[in-house]
Amino acid sequence: MFGSHSQKGTKTDADGLVGNKCSQNLWVYTADCMPIFFADKRTRNVASLHCGRKGLEKKIIKNLVKIFDTFGTSRDDLLVAIGPAISKEHYLVDKMTLKEFYIKAENKNIIVKLNKTKKDFCFNDSNQFREQNLNQLDLKRSAYRQLLNENIPHTNIDISNLCTYKFNNEFYSWRRSKTISRQWNLICS
């Protein structure tokens, strides 16, 4: 959705907003999902995404980059920041969810074996996770790979190392406390 299409003083339900005018503030409401911000340093166009596992599976990043293409944005001019979100240590999923994620988000068909460590696919070989049949899923790493696949230079991507689950005094986390509270994230053009 374009920022100029939203009404002043109202909220818009969308997983992404694109600033199509100068001097716009774009806000995104997150808990454990990633706030991802885009800025064209030449045109000053900006965008914000609310991106989690499902957004990565639906290729929301690729779709947003296509919108920047319509503005004539060069990949070298596109700056990206991934804000605080849940870390892989605290985002645990069952093996079927993990397998489906890699097929959809990364176009990789993988075999999930819990008795082997597969660093590249964010598995954990600790007894705790094997007994619970859970695997770590690194959303930030997957988002980073999708950005690289869109030919955005790695030097133009910044990723926060802050975990919304771990830092309970700084962030709200749905997975930690099932709260409906969220943090607001913003980018200004």
C-alpha atoms as a PDB file:
ATOM      1  CA  MET A   1       0.000   0.000   0.000  1.00  0.00           C
ATOM      2  CA  PHE A   2       1.241   3.509  -0.754  1.00  0.00           C
ATOM      3  CA  GLY A   3       1.607   5.860   2.181  1.00  0.00           C
ATOM      4  CA  SER A   4      -0.358   8.604   0.431  1.00  0.00           C
ATOM      5  CA  HIS A   5      -3.379   6.290   0.139  1.00  0.00           C
ATOM      6  CA  SER A   6      -3.767   6.040   3.905  1.00  0.00           C
ATOM      7  CA  GLN A   7      -5.956   8.514   5.734  1.00  0.00           C
ATOM      8  CA  LYS A   8      -4.462  10.905   8.282  1.00  0.00           C
ATOM      9  CA  GLY A   9      -5.184   9.697  11.809  1.00  0.00           C
ATOM     10  CA  THR A  10      -6.196   6.176  10.763  1.00  0.00           C
ATOM     11  CA  LYS A  11      -4.475   2.807  10.915  1.00  0.00           C
ATOM     12  CA  THR A  12      -4.080   0.619   7.852  1.00  0.00           C
ATOM     13  CA  ASP A  13      -3.910  -3.165   8.012  1.00  0.00           C
ATOM     14  CA  ALA A  14      -1.111  -4.155   5.650  1.00  0.00           C
ATOM     15  CA  ASP A  15       2.222  -5.930   5.869  1.00  0.00           C
ATOM     16  CA  GLY A  16       3.926  -3.192   3.907  1.00  0.00           C
ATOM     17  CA  LEU A  17       3.781   0.530   3.265  1.00  0.00           C
ATOM     18  CA  VAL A  18       5.605   2.381   0.522  1.00  0.00           C
ATOM     19  CA  GLY A  19       6.285   6.088   0.757  1.00  0.00           C
ATOM     20  CA  ASN A  20       5.475   7.678  -2.566  1.00  0.00           C
ATOM     21  CA  LYS A  21       5.841  11.292  -1.463  1.00  0.00           C
ATOM     22  CA  CYS A  22       8.548  13.240   0.342  1.00  0.00           C
ATOM     23  CA  SER A  23       8.364  13.829   4.076  1.00  0.00           C
ATOM     24  CA  GLN A  24       6.281  10.754   4.904  1.00  0.00           C
ATOM     25  CA  ASN A  25       6.596   8.784   8.118  1.00  0.00           C
ATOM     26  CA  LEU A  26       5.879   5.078   7.760  1.00  0.00           C
ATOM     27  CA  TRP A  27       5.163   3.066  10.882  1.00  0.00           C
ATOM     28  CA  VAL A  28       5.043  -0.686  11.397  1.00  0.00           C
ATOM     29  CA  TYR A  29       3.720  -2.512  14.460  1.00  0.00           C
ATOM     30  CA  THR A  30       5.706  -5.636  15.492  1.00  0.00           C
ATOM     31  CA  ALA A  31       6.337  -8.038  18.349  1.00  0.00           C
ATOM     32  CA  ASP A  32       8.488 -10.990  17.240  1.00  0.00           C
ATOM     33  CA  CYS A  33       8.288 -10.369  13.492  1.00  0.00           C
ATOM     34  CA  MET A  34      10.905  -8.274  11.746  1.00  0.00           C
ATOM     35  CA  PRO A  35      10.412  -4.619  10.942  1.00  0.00           C
ATOM     36  CA  ILE A  36      12.269  -4.187   7.661  1.00  0.00           C
ATOM     37  CA  PHE A  37      12.936  -0.703   6.303  1.00  0.00           C
ATOM     38  CA  PHE A  38      13.972   0.268   2.793  1.00  0.00           C
ATOM     39  CA  ALA A  39      15.297   3.629   1.639  1.00  0.00           C
ATOM     40  CA  ASP A  40      16.429   4.801  -1.772  1.00  0.00           C
ATOM     41  CA  LYS A  41      19.271   7.171  -0.963  1.00  0.00           C
ATOM     42  CA  ARG A  42      18.911   8.903  -4.346  1.00  0.00           C
ATOM     43  CA  THR A  43      15.124   9.489  -4.555  1.00  0.00           C
ATOM     44  CA  ARG A  44      14.445   9.357  -0.794  1.00  0.00           C
ATOM     45  CA  ASN A  45      11.563   6.898  -1.327  1.00  0.00           C
ATOM     46  CA  VAL A  46      11.081   4.696   1.727  1.00  0.00           C
ATOM     47  CA  ALA A  47       9.133   1.571   2.663  1.00  0.00           C
ATOM     48  CA  SER A  48       8.400  -0.464   5.766  1.00  0.00           C
ATOM     49  CA  LEU A  49       7.537  -4.147   6.097  1.00  0.00           C
ATOM     50  CA  HIS A  50       6.109  -6.309   8.851  1.00  0.00           C
ATOM     51  CA  CYS A  51       7.798  -9.613   8.006  1.00  0.00           C
ATOM     52  CA  GLY A  52       7.743 -12.975   9.732  1.00  0.00           C
ATOM     53  CA  ARG A  53       7.829 -16.579   8.601  1.00  0.00           C
ATOM     54  CA  LYS A  54       4.706 -16.295   6.460  1.00  0.00           C
ATOM     55  CA  GLY A  55       5.868 -13.057   4.850  1.00  0.00           C
ATOM     56  CA  LEU A  56       9.177 -14.678   3.911  1.00  0.00           C
ATOM     57  CA  GLU A  57       7.292 -17.658   2.483  1.00  0.00           C
ATOM     58  CA  LYS A  58       5.147 -15.308   0.383  1.00  0.00           C
ATOM     59  CA  LYS A  59       8.268 -13.470  -0.875  1.00  0.00           C
ATOM     60  CA  ILE A  60       7.154 -10.110   0.518  1.00  0.00           C
ATOM     61  CA  ILE A  61      10.720  -8.781   0.179  1.00  0.00           C
ATOM     62  CA  LYS A  62      10.899  -9.647  -3.515  1.00  0.00           C
ATOM     63  CA  ASN A  63       7.506  -8.015  -4.098  1.00  0.00           C
ATOM     64  CA  LEU A  64       8.593  -4.811  -2.367  1.00  0.00           C
ATOM     65  CA  VAL A  65      11.829  -4.630  -4.362  1.00  0.00           C
ATOM     66  CA  LYS A  66       9.720  -4.885  -7.538  1.00  0.00           C
ATOM     67  CA  ILE A  67       7.857  -1.747  -6.424  1.00  0.00           C
ATOM     68  CA  PHE A  68      11.185   0.064  -6.043  1.00  0.00           C
ATOM     69  CA  ASP A  69      12.013  -1.103  -9.566  1.00  0.00           C
ATOM     70  CA  THR A  70       8.975   0.842 -10.826  1.00  0.00           C
ATOM     71  CA  PHE A  71      10.504   3.962  -9.229  1.00  0.00           C
ATOM     72  CA  GLY A  72      13.738   3.358 -11.138  1.00  0.00           C
ATOM     73  CA  THR A  73      15.687   2.539  -7.983  1.00  0.00           C
ATOM     74  CA  SER A  74      19.166   1.151  -8.468  1.00  0.00           C
ATOM     75  CA  ARG A  75      20.096  -1.767  -6.199  1.00  0.00           C
ATOM     76  CA  ASP A  76      23.243   0.163  -5.242  1.00  0.00           C
ATOM     77  CA  ASP A  77      21.057   3.011  -3.925  1.00  0.00           C
ATOM     78  CA  LEU A  78      18.731   0.782  -1.880  1.00  0.00           C
ATOM     79  CA  LEU A  79      19.520   0.714   1.845  1.00  0.00           C
ATOM     80  CA  VAL A  80      17.855  -1.904   4.068  1.00  0.00           C
ATOM     81  CA  ALA A  81      17.599  -2.215   7.853  1.00  0.00           C
ATOM     82  CA  ILE A  82      16.160  -5.217   9.688  1.00  0.00           C
ATOM     83  CA  GLY A  83      15.090  -4.201  13.173  1.00  0.00           C
ATOM     84  CA  PRO A  84      14.771  -6.138  16.444  1.00  0.00           C
ATOM     85  CA  ALA A  85      12.921  -9.451  16.104  1.00  0.00           C
ATOM     86  CA  ILE A  86      12.918 -12.909  17.619  1.00  0.00           C
ATOM     87  CA  SER A  87      16.274 -14.692  17.368  1.00  0.00           C
ATOM     88  CA  LYS A  88      16.751 -18.220  16.098  1.00  0.00           C
ATOM     89  CA  GLU A  89      17.490 -19.402  19.649  1.00  0.00           C
ATOM     90  CA  HIS A  90      13.942 -18.529  20.656  1.00  0.00           C
ATOM     91  CA  TYR A  91      12.051 -19.236  17.436  1.00  0.00           C
ATOM     92  CA  LEU A  92      11.498 -22.982  17.552  1.00  0.00           C
ATOM     93  CA  VAL A  93       9.311 -24.834  15.063  1.00  0.00           C
ATOM     94  CA  ASP A  94       8.423 -28.452  14.353  1.00  0.00           C
ATOM     95  CA  LYS A  95      10.214 -30.237  11.538  1.00  0.00           C
ATOM     96  CA  MET A  96       7.260 -30.092   9.116  1.00  0.00           C
ATOM     97  CA  THR A  97       6.990 -26.294   9.521  1.00  0.00           C
ATOM     98  CA  LEU A  98      10.746 -26.001   8.984  1.00  0.00           C
ATOM     99  CA  LYS A  99      10.662 -28.151   5.857  1.00  0.00           C
ATOM    100  CA  GLU A 100       7.697 -26.218   4.393  1.00  0.00           C
ATOM    101  CA  PHE A 101       9.450 -22.940   5.175  1.00  0.00           C
ATOM    102  CA  TYR A 102      12.572 -23.867   3.215  1.00  0.00           C
ATOM    103  CA  ILE A 103      10.547 -25.087   0.247  1.00  0.00           C
ATOM    104  CA  LYS A 104       8.485 -21.874   0.120  1.00  0.00           C
ATOM    105  CA  ALA A 105      10.920 -19.223   1.346  1.00  0.00           C
ATOM    106  CA  GLU A 106      14.161 -20.474  -0.137  1.00  0.00           C
ATOM    107  CA  ASN A 107      13.027 -22.866  -2.879  1.00  0.00           C
ATOM    108  CA  LYS A 108      14.989 -25.673  -1.250  1.00  0.00           C
ATOM    109  CA  ASN A 109      13.650 -29.141  -0.639  1.00  0.00           C
ATOM    110  CA  ILE A 110      15.465 -30.397   2.438  1.00  0.00           C
ATOM    111  CA  ILE A 111      15.398 -33.556   4.463  1.00  0.00           C
ATOM    112  CA  VAL A 112      15.038 -32.788   8.145  1.00  0.00           C
ATOM    113  CA  LYS A 113      17.067 -35.136  10.308  1.00  0.00           C
ATOM    114  CA  LEU A 114      17.248 -34.168  13.931  1.00  0.00           C
ATOM    115  CA  ASN A 115      20.244 -36.328  14.732  1.00  0.00           C
ATOM    116  CA  LYS A 116      22.591 -34.319  12.506  1.00  0.00           C
ATOM    117  CA  THR A 117      23.639 -30.710  12.772  1.00  0.00           C
ATOM    118  CA  LYS A 118      22.859 -28.730   9.622  1.00  0.00           C
ATOM    119  CA  LYS A 119      24.159 -25.249  10.370  1.00  0.00           C
ATOM    120  CA  ASP A 120      23.159 -23.951   6.976  1.00  0.00           C
ATOM    121  CA  PHE A 121      19.515 -24.723   7.634  1.00  0.00           C
ATOM    122  CA  CYS A 122      19.366 -23.470  11.233  1.00  0.00           C
ATOM    123  CA  PHE A 123      19.025 -26.829  12.968  1.00  0.00           C
ATOM    124  CA  ASN A 124      20.190 -27.416  16.494  1.00  0.00           C
ATOM    125  CA  ASP A 125      21.562 -30.763  17.604  1.00  0.00           C
ATOM    126  CA  SER A 126      21.096 -30.301  21.339  1.00  0.00           C
ATOM    127  CA  ASN A 127      19.185 -32.993  23.209  1.00  0.00           C
ATOM    128  CA  GLN A 128      16.626 -30.440  24.369  1.00  0.00           C
ATOM    129  CA  PHE A 129      15.473 -29.733  20.816  1.00  0.00           C
ATOM    130  CA  ARG A 130      15.631 -33.363  19.655  1.00  0.00           C
ATOM    131  CA  GLU A 131      13.496 -34.519  22.573  1.00  0.00           C
ATOM    132  CA  GLN A 132      10.911 -31.798  21.880  1.00  0.00           C
ATOM    133  CA  ASN A 133      11.201 -32.383  18.116  1.00  0.00           C
ATOM    134  CA  LEU A 134      11.828 -28.636  17.622  1.00  0.00           C
ATOM    135  CA  ASN A 135      14.246 -26.811  15.365  1.00  0.00           C
ATOM    136  CA  GLN A 136      15.613 -23.290  15.342  1.00  0.00           C
ATOM    137  CA  LEU A 137      14.507 -21.065  12.480  1.00  0.00           C
ATOM    138  CA  ASP A 138      16.581 -17.982  11.734  1.00  0.00           C
ATOM    139  CA  LEU A 139      14.198 -15.439  10.186  1.00  0.00           C
ATOM    140  CA  LYS A 140      16.792 -12.669   9.972  1.00  0.00           C
ATOM    141  CA  ARG A 141      19.231 -14.900   8.121  1.00  0.00           C
ATOM    142  CA  SER A 142      16.542 -15.968   5.673  1.00  0.00           C
ATOM    143  CA  ALA A 143      15.510 -12.341   5.077  1.00  0.00           C
ATOM    144  CA  TYR A 144      19.171 -11.482   4.488  1.00  0.00           C
ATOM    145  CA  ARG A 145      19.448 -14.257   1.884  1.00  0.00           C
ATOM    146  CA  GLN A 146      16.305 -13.036   0.135  1.00  0.00           C
ATOM    147  CA  LEU A 147      17.741  -9.515   0.009  1.00  0.00           C
ATOM    148  CA  LEU A 148      20.995 -10.831  -1.483  1.00  0.00           C
ATOM    149  CA  ASN A 149      18.963 -12.804  -4.039  1.00  0.00           C
ATOM    150  CA  GLU A 150      17.451  -9.468  -5.112  1.00  0.00           C
ATOM    151  CA  ASN A 151      21.003  -8.213  -5.782  1.00  0.00           C
ATOM    152  CA  ILE A 152      21.049  -5.752  -2.913  1.00  0.00           C
ATOM    153  CA  PRO A 153      24.708  -5.327  -1.916  1.00  0.00           C
ATOM    154  CA  HIS A 154      25.525  -6.838   1.477  1.00  0.00           C
ATOM    155  CA  THR A 155      27.130  -3.520   2.439  1.00  0.00           C
ATOM    156  CA  ASN A 156      23.688  -1.873   2.093  1.00  0.00           C
ATOM    157  CA  ILE A 157      22.022  -4.231   4.605  1.00  0.00           C
ATOM    158  CA  ASP A 158      22.052  -3.695   8.371  1.00  0.00           C
ATOM    159  CA  ILE A 159      20.633  -6.323  10.747  1.00  0.00           C
ATOM    160  CA  SER A 160      19.880  -5.687  14.408  1.00  0.00           C
ATOM    161  CA  ASN A 161      21.176  -8.365  16.765  1.00  0.00           C
ATOM    162  CA  LEU A 162      18.500  -7.536  19.368  1.00  0.00           C
ATOM    163  CA  CYS A 163      16.022 -10.302  20.208  1.00  0.00           C
ATOM    164  CA  THR A 164      12.470  -9.325  21.162  1.00  0.00           C
ATOM    165  CA  TYR A 165      12.054 -12.548  23.147  1.00  0.00           C
ATOM    166  CA  LYS A 166      15.302 -12.303  25.112  1.00  0.00           C
ATOM    167  CA  PHE A 167      15.177  -8.613  26.070  1.00  0.00           C
ATOM    168  CA  ASN A 168      11.933  -8.645  28.050  1.00  0.00           C
ATOM    169  CA  ASN A 169      12.462  -5.169  29.553  1.00  0.00           C
ATOM    170  CA  GLU A 170      12.969  -3.544  26.147  1.00  0.00           C
ATOM    171  CA  PHE A 171      10.556  -5.364  23.800  1.00  0.00           C
ATOM    172  CA  TYR A 172       7.202  -7.094  23.692  1.00  0.00           C
ATOM    173  CA  SER A 173       7.144 -10.709  22.530  1.00  0.00           C
ATOM    174  CA  TRP A 174       4.128 -12.811  21.643  1.00  0.00           C
ATOM    175  CA  ARG A 175       6.091 -16.041  21.998  1.00  0.00           C
ATOM    176  CA  ARG A 176       7.442 -15.083  25.414  1.00  0.00           C
ATOM    177  CA  SER A 177       4.308 -13.783  27.129  1.00  0.00           C
ATOM    178  CA  LYS A 178       1.341 -13.983  24.689  1.00  0.00           C
ATOM    179  CA  THR A 179       0.899 -10.224  25.100  1.00  0.00           C
ATOM    180  CA  ILE A 180      -1.121  -8.156  22.672  1.00  0.00           C
ATOM    181  CA  SER A 181       1.293  -5.264  23.210  1.00  0.00           C
ATOM    182  CA  ARG A 182       3.651  -4.386  20.370  1.00  0.00           C
ATOM    183  CA  GLN A 183       6.441  -1.928  19.583  1.00  0.00           C
ATOM    184  CA  TRP A 184       6.159   0.739  16.934  1.00  0.00           C
ATOM    185  CA  ASN A 185       8.954   1.075  14.387  1.00  0.00           C
ATOM    186  CA  LEU A 186       9.267   3.942  11.917  1.00  0.00           C
ATOM    187  CA  ILE A 187      11.163   5.316   8.976  1.00  0.00           C
ATOM    188  CA  CYS A 188      10.990   8.908   7.694  1.00  0.00           C
ATOM    189  CA  SER A 189      11.689  10.148   4.194  1.00  0.00           C
END
